[in-house]
Amino acid sequence: MVEVKIKGKASEVEPILYGLKRWAQVEVLKAEYVYPSIHKDEDEMTLTCSIDNPVNTRARRLKMHLGNGQEVEFTFLDFMQVDLDDGIHIYSGRFYDIFA
C-alpha cells in the first residue's frame, strides 16, 4: 500500500483523485480532504489517499527518450506507474545501481 499526499488548489487536486479512481489497476482505499477554511473552491486543500496497487512483477525496465535523441534506461524493483489525463506520468519504484 502506498500513501500519496497532494497539496494545491481544490480545482487542480480533485481531478487527480478522479484520475486515480478511474485507473483499473489502482484501488483508492481512502481519501481525506483537509480545507483550511469554509470556502473550499478558493482555498488550497490537502488530499491524502491510500492506494493499493498489486505489483505485477518484481523488476521492470523503464526507457526514457531524451530531447537530444539519447535513450536512458532504468531498472526498478516494485515498479508503479500512474498516468494522469493531461499527459503527465508518475513513476515510482526502488532503483538500484550495481556499479555504485
N, C-alpha and C. Protein backbone atom coordinates (compact mmCIF):
# COMPACT_ATOMS: atom_id res chain seq x y z
N MET A 1 0.84 -1.17 0.00
CA MET A 1 0.00 0.00 0.00
C MET A 1 0.89 1.24 0.00
N VAL A 2 0.47 2.24 -0.74
CA VAL A 2 1.20 3.49 -0.87
C VAL A 2 0.30 4.61 -0.38
N GLU A 3 0.88 5.57 0.33
CA GLU A 3 0.10 6.74 0.74
C GLU A 3 0.60 7.95 -0.03
N VAL A 4 -0.32 8.64 -0.69
CA VAL A 4 0.00 9.78 -1.53
C VAL A 4 -0.59 11.03 -0.89
N LYS A 5 0.19 12.10 -0.80
CA LYS A 5 -0.30 13.37 -0.26
C LYS A 5 -0.10 14.44 -1.32
N ILE A 6 -1.20 15.11 -1.69
CA ILE A 6 -1.18 16.13 -2.73
C ILE A 6 -1.73 17.42 -2.13
N LYS A 7 -1.04 18.53 -2.37
CA LYS A 7 -1.47 19.81 -1.83
C LYS A 7 -1.56 20.82 -2.96
N GLY A 8 -2.66 21.57 -3.00
CA GLY A 8 -2.82 22.58 -4.04
C GLY A 8 -4.23 23.11 -4.05
N LYS A 9 -4.58 23.84 -5.10
CA LYS A 9 -5.94 24.36 -5.23
C LYS A 9 -6.91 23.20 -5.42
N ALA A 10 -8.09 23.33 -4.83
CA ALA A 10 -9.08 22.26 -4.89
C ALA A 10 -9.43 21.91 -6.33
N SER A 11 -9.52 22.92 -7.20
CA SER A 11 -9.88 22.68 -8.60
C SER A 11 -8.81 21.90 -9.35
N GLU A 12 -7.57 21.89 -8.85
CA GLU A 12 -6.49 21.16 -9.50
C GLU A 12 -6.25 19.80 -8.87
N VAL A 13 -6.56 19.66 -7.58
CA VAL A 13 -6.29 18.41 -6.87
C VAL A 13 -7.39 17.38 -7.11
N GLU A 14 -8.65 17.80 -7.15
CA GLU A 14 -9.75 16.86 -7.31
C GLU A 14 -9.69 16.06 -8.61
N PRO A 15 -9.28 16.64 -9.76
CA PRO A 15 -9.15 15.83 -10.97
C PRO A 15 -8.08 14.74 -10.86
N ILE A 16 -7.06 14.97 -10.05
CA ILE A 16 -6.03 13.94 -9.86
C ILE A 16 -6.63 12.73 -9.15
N LEU A 17 -7.43 12.98 -8.11
CA LEU A 17 -8.09 11.87 -7.42
C LEU A 17 -9.04 11.15 -8.37
N TYR A 18 -9.76 11.89 -9.18
CA TYR A 18 -10.67 11.28 -10.15
C TYR A 18 -9.90 10.38 -11.12
N GLY A 19 -8.74 10.84 -11.58
CA GLY A 19 -7.92 10.03 -12.48
C GLY A 19 -7.40 8.77 -11.82
N LEU A 20 -7.02 8.86 -10.54
CA LEU A 20 -6.57 7.68 -9.83
C LEU A 20 -7.69 6.66 -9.67
N LYS A 21 -8.89 7.13 -9.39
CA LYS A 21 -10.03 6.23 -9.21
C LYS A 21 -10.41 5.54 -10.52
N ARG A 22 -10.18 6.20 -11.65
CA ARG A 22 -10.53 5.61 -12.95
C ARG A 22 -9.53 4.55 -13.40
N TRP A 23 -8.32 4.60 -12.89
CA TRP A 23 -7.28 3.66 -13.32
C TRP A 23 -7.60 2.29 -12.75
N ALA A 24 -7.80 1.30 -13.59
CA ALA A 24 -8.29 -0.01 -13.17
C ALA A 24 -7.31 -0.76 -12.27
N GLN A 25 -6.03 -0.50 -12.39
CA GLN A 25 -5.04 -1.25 -11.62
C GLN A 25 -4.83 -0.69 -10.22
N VAL A 26 -5.45 0.42 -9.90
CA VAL A 26 -5.26 1.06 -8.60
C VAL A 26 -6.59 1.10 -7.86
N GLU A 27 -6.56 0.75 -6.60
CA GLU A 27 -7.74 0.86 -5.76
C GLU A 27 -7.49 1.92 -4.70
N VAL A 28 -8.28 2.98 -4.71
CA VAL A 28 -8.15 4.03 -3.70
C VAL A 28 -8.90 3.56 -2.46
N LEU A 29 -8.15 3.29 -1.38
CA LEU A 29 -8.75 2.74 -0.18
C LEU A 29 -9.43 3.80 0.66
N LYS A 30 -8.85 4.98 0.75
CA LYS A 30 -9.48 6.08 1.47
C LYS A 30 -8.95 7.39 0.91
N ALA A 31 -9.76 8.41 1.01
CA ALA A 31 -9.34 9.75 0.58
C ALA A 31 -9.80 10.73 1.64
N GLU A 32 -8.89 11.55 2.09
CA GLU A 32 -9.18 12.51 3.16
C GLU A 32 -8.83 13.91 2.67
N TYR A 33 -9.81 14.79 2.69
CA TYR A 33 -9.62 16.18 2.28
C TYR A 33 -9.45 17.06 3.52
N VAL A 34 -8.55 18.02 3.46
CA VAL A 34 -8.38 19.00 4.53
C VAL A 34 -8.45 20.38 3.88
N TYR A 35 -9.47 21.14 4.23
CA TYR A 35 -9.63 22.51 3.73
C TYR A 35 -9.27 23.48 4.84
N PRO A 36 -8.43 24.48 4.58
CA PRO A 36 -8.07 25.44 5.61
C PRO A 36 -9.22 26.35 6.03
N SER A 37 -10.22 26.56 5.16
CA SER A 37 -11.34 27.43 5.53
C SER A 37 -12.63 26.90 4.92
N ILE A 38 -13.70 27.63 5.09
CA ILE A 38 -15.02 27.21 4.63
C ILE A 38 -15.15 27.31 3.11
N HIS A 39 -14.48 28.25 2.48
CA HIS A 39 -14.61 28.47 1.03
C HIS A 39 -13.70 27.50 0.29
N LYS A 40 -14.18 26.26 0.11
CA LYS A 40 -13.33 25.21 -0.43
C LYS A 40 -12.91 25.44 -1.88
N ASP A 41 -13.69 26.18 -2.67
CA ASP A 41 -13.33 26.39 -4.07
C ASP A 41 -12.18 27.36 -4.24
N GLU A 42 -11.99 28.25 -3.28
CA GLU A 42 -10.97 29.28 -3.41
C GLU A 42 -9.67 28.90 -2.73
N ASP A 43 -9.72 28.02 -1.75
CA ASP A 43 -8.55 27.73 -0.93
C ASP A 43 -7.78 26.53 -1.42
N GLU A 44 -6.61 26.39 -0.84
CA GLU A 44 -5.84 25.18 -1.07
C GLU A 44 -6.44 24.05 -0.25
N MET A 45 -6.22 22.87 -0.71
CA MET A 45 -6.66 21.70 0.03
C MET A 45 -5.54 20.69 0.04
N THR A 46 -5.58 19.80 0.99
CA THR A 46 -4.64 18.70 1.06
C THR A 46 -5.42 17.41 0.90
N LEU A 47 -4.99 16.57 -0.02
CA LEU A 47 -5.62 15.28 -0.25
C LEU A 47 -4.64 14.20 0.14
N THR A 48 -5.04 13.33 1.04
CA THR A 48 -4.23 12.18 1.40
C THR A 48 -5.03 10.94 1.03
N CYS A 49 -4.46 10.08 0.20
CA CYS A 49 -5.18 8.86 -0.15
C CYS A 49 -4.24 7.66 -0.06
N SER A 50 -4.80 6.57 0.42
CA SER A 50 -4.08 5.31 0.49
C SER A 50 -4.44 4.51 -0.74
N ILE A 51 -3.43 4.03 -1.44
CA ILE A 51 -3.63 3.34 -2.71
C ILE A 51 -3.08 1.94 -2.59
N ASP A 52 -3.87 0.98 -3.02
CA ASP A 52 -3.41 -0.40 -3.07
C ASP A 52 -3.16 -0.76 -4.52
N ASN A 53 -1.94 -1.12 -4.83
CA ASN A 53 -1.58 -1.47 -6.20
C ASN A 53 -0.81 -2.78 -6.17
N PRO A 54 -1.45 -3.88 -6.52
CA PRO A 54 -0.71 -5.13 -6.56
C PRO A 54 0.35 -5.09 -7.65
N VAL A 55 1.58 -5.25 -7.26
CA VAL A 55 2.70 -5.15 -8.20
C VAL A 55 2.75 -6.44 -9.02
N ASN A 56 2.71 -6.29 -10.35
CA ASN A 56 2.67 -7.45 -11.23
C ASN A 56 4.01 -8.16 -11.32
N THR A 57 5.08 -7.41 -11.38
CA THR A 57 6.40 -8.01 -11.50
C THR A 57 7.33 -7.35 -10.51
N ARG A 58 8.35 -8.07 -10.11
CA ARG A 58 9.31 -7.52 -9.16
C ARG A 58 10.23 -6.50 -9.82
N ALA A 59 10.61 -6.73 -11.07
CA ALA A 59 11.54 -5.82 -11.74
C ALA A 59 10.94 -5.37 -13.07
N ARG A 60 11.21 -4.12 -13.41
CA ARG A 60 10.73 -3.59 -14.68
C ARG A 60 11.71 -2.56 -15.19
N ARG A 61 11.90 -2.54 -16.49
CA ARG A 61 12.80 -1.57 -17.12
C ARG A 61 11.98 -0.42 -17.68
N LEU A 62 12.49 0.77 -17.46
CA LEU A 62 11.84 1.99 -17.95
C LEU A 62 12.81 2.69 -18.89
N LYS A 63 12.40 2.87 -20.14
CA LYS A 63 13.23 3.57 -21.13
C LYS A 63 12.66 4.96 -21.33
N MET A 64 13.54 5.95 -21.28
CA MET A 64 13.14 7.33 -21.50
C MET A 64 13.94 7.89 -22.66
N HIS A 65 13.26 8.54 -23.59
CA HIS A 65 13.91 9.17 -24.74
C HIS A 65 14.08 10.65 -24.42
N LEU A 66 15.32 11.10 -24.45
CA LEU A 66 15.63 12.49 -24.14
C LEU A 66 15.47 13.36 -25.38
N GLY A 67 15.39 14.66 -25.18
CA GLY A 67 15.20 15.60 -26.27
C GLY A 67 16.34 15.62 -27.27
N ASN A 68 17.55 15.24 -26.84
CA ASN A 68 18.71 15.26 -27.74
C ASN A 68 18.89 13.94 -28.49
N GLY A 69 17.89 13.04 -28.40
CA GLY A 69 17.95 11.79 -29.14
C GLY A 69 18.53 10.62 -28.37
N GLN A 70 19.08 10.87 -27.20
CA GLN A 70 19.64 9.78 -26.41
C GLN A 70 18.52 9.02 -25.70
N GLU A 71 18.84 7.79 -25.33
CA GLU A 71 17.89 6.94 -24.61
C GLU A 71 18.52 6.53 -23.29
N VAL A 72 17.75 6.66 -22.21
CA VAL A 72 18.22 6.29 -20.88
C VAL A 72 17.33 5.17 -20.39
N GLU A 73 17.94 4.15 -19.78
CA GLU A 73 17.17 3.00 -19.30
C GLU A 73 17.45 2.79 -17.82
N PHE A 74 16.38 2.62 -17.04
CA PHE A 74 16.47 2.37 -15.61
C PHE A 74 15.79 1.05 -15.30
N THR A 75 16.31 0.34 -14.31
CA THR A 75 15.67 -0.87 -13.82
C THR A 75 15.12 -0.59 -12.43
N PHE A 76 13.83 -0.81 -12.25
CA PHE A 76 13.16 -0.56 -10.98
C PHE A 76 12.67 -1.87 -10.38
N LEU A 77 12.70 -1.94 -9.07
CA LEU A 77 12.03 -3.01 -8.34
C LEU A 77 10.73 -2.45 -7.79
N ASP A 78 9.71 -3.27 -7.69
CA ASP A 78 8.40 -2.86 -7.17
C ASP A 78 7.90 -1.61 -7.89
N PHE A 79 7.86 -1.69 -9.20
CA PHE A 79 7.54 -0.56 -10.06
C PHE A 79 6.04 -0.24 -10.03
N MET A 80 5.72 1.06 -10.02
CA MET A 80 4.34 1.51 -10.11
C MET A 80 4.29 2.73 -11.02
N GLN A 81 3.26 2.80 -11.85
CA GLN A 81 3.11 3.90 -12.80
C GLN A 81 1.70 4.47 -12.68
N VAL A 82 1.60 5.79 -12.64
CA VAL A 82 0.31 6.48 -12.64
C VAL A 82 0.28 7.41 -13.84
N ASP A 83 -0.75 7.28 -14.68
CA ASP A 83 -0.92 8.12 -15.86
C ASP A 83 -2.07 9.08 -15.59
N LEU A 84 -1.79 10.37 -15.62
CA LEU A 84 -2.82 11.38 -15.43
C LEU A 84 -3.37 11.81 -16.78
N ASP A 85 -4.55 12.39 -16.78
CA ASP A 85 -5.24 12.74 -18.03
C ASP A 85 -4.50 13.75 -18.88
N ASP A 86 -3.74 14.64 -18.27
CA ASP A 86 -3.09 15.71 -19.03
C ASP A 86 -1.72 15.31 -19.58
N GLY A 87 -1.45 14.01 -19.68
CA GLY A 87 -0.20 13.54 -20.27
C GLY A 87 0.96 13.42 -19.31
N ILE A 88 0.73 13.64 -18.03
CA ILE A 88 1.79 13.52 -17.03
C ILE A 88 1.83 12.08 -16.54
N HIS A 89 3.04 11.54 -16.44
CA HIS A 89 3.24 10.18 -15.94
C HIS A 89 4.07 10.24 -14.67
N ILE A 90 3.66 9.51 -13.65
CA ILE A 90 4.40 9.43 -12.40
C ILE A 90 4.90 8.00 -12.26
N TYR A 91 6.21 7.85 -12.07
CA TYR A 91 6.82 6.54 -11.92
C TYR A 91 7.38 6.42 -10.51
N SER A 92 7.22 5.25 -9.92
CA SER A 92 7.72 5.03 -8.57
C SER A 92 8.28 3.62 -8.49
N GLY A 93 9.29 3.46 -7.70
CA GLY A 93 9.89 2.15 -7.50
C GLY A 93 11.23 2.30 -6.82
N ARG A 94 11.85 1.17 -6.58
CA ARG A 94 13.19 1.20 -5.98
C ARG A 94 14.20 1.03 -7.09
N PHE A 95 15.10 1.99 -7.20
CA PHE A 95 16.13 1.98 -8.24
C PHE A 95 17.44 1.53 -7.62
N TYR A 96 18.18 0.74 -8.34
CA TYR A 96 19.48 0.33 -7.84
C TYR A 96 20.52 0.46 -8.95
N ASP A 97 21.75 0.70 -8.54
CA ASP A 97 22.86 0.82 -9.47
C ASP A 97 23.92 -0.17 -9.03
N ILE A 98 24.15 -1.20 -9.82
CA ILE A 98 25.10 -2.24 -9.40
C ILE A 98 26.55 -1.76 -9.48
N PHE A 99 26.79 -0.62 -10.16
CA PHE A 99 28.16 -0.13 -10.29
C PHE A 99 28.50 0.95 -9.26
N ALA A 100 27.54 1.32 -8.43
CA ALA A 100 27.79 2.38 -7.44
C ALA A 100 28.57 1.86 -6.26
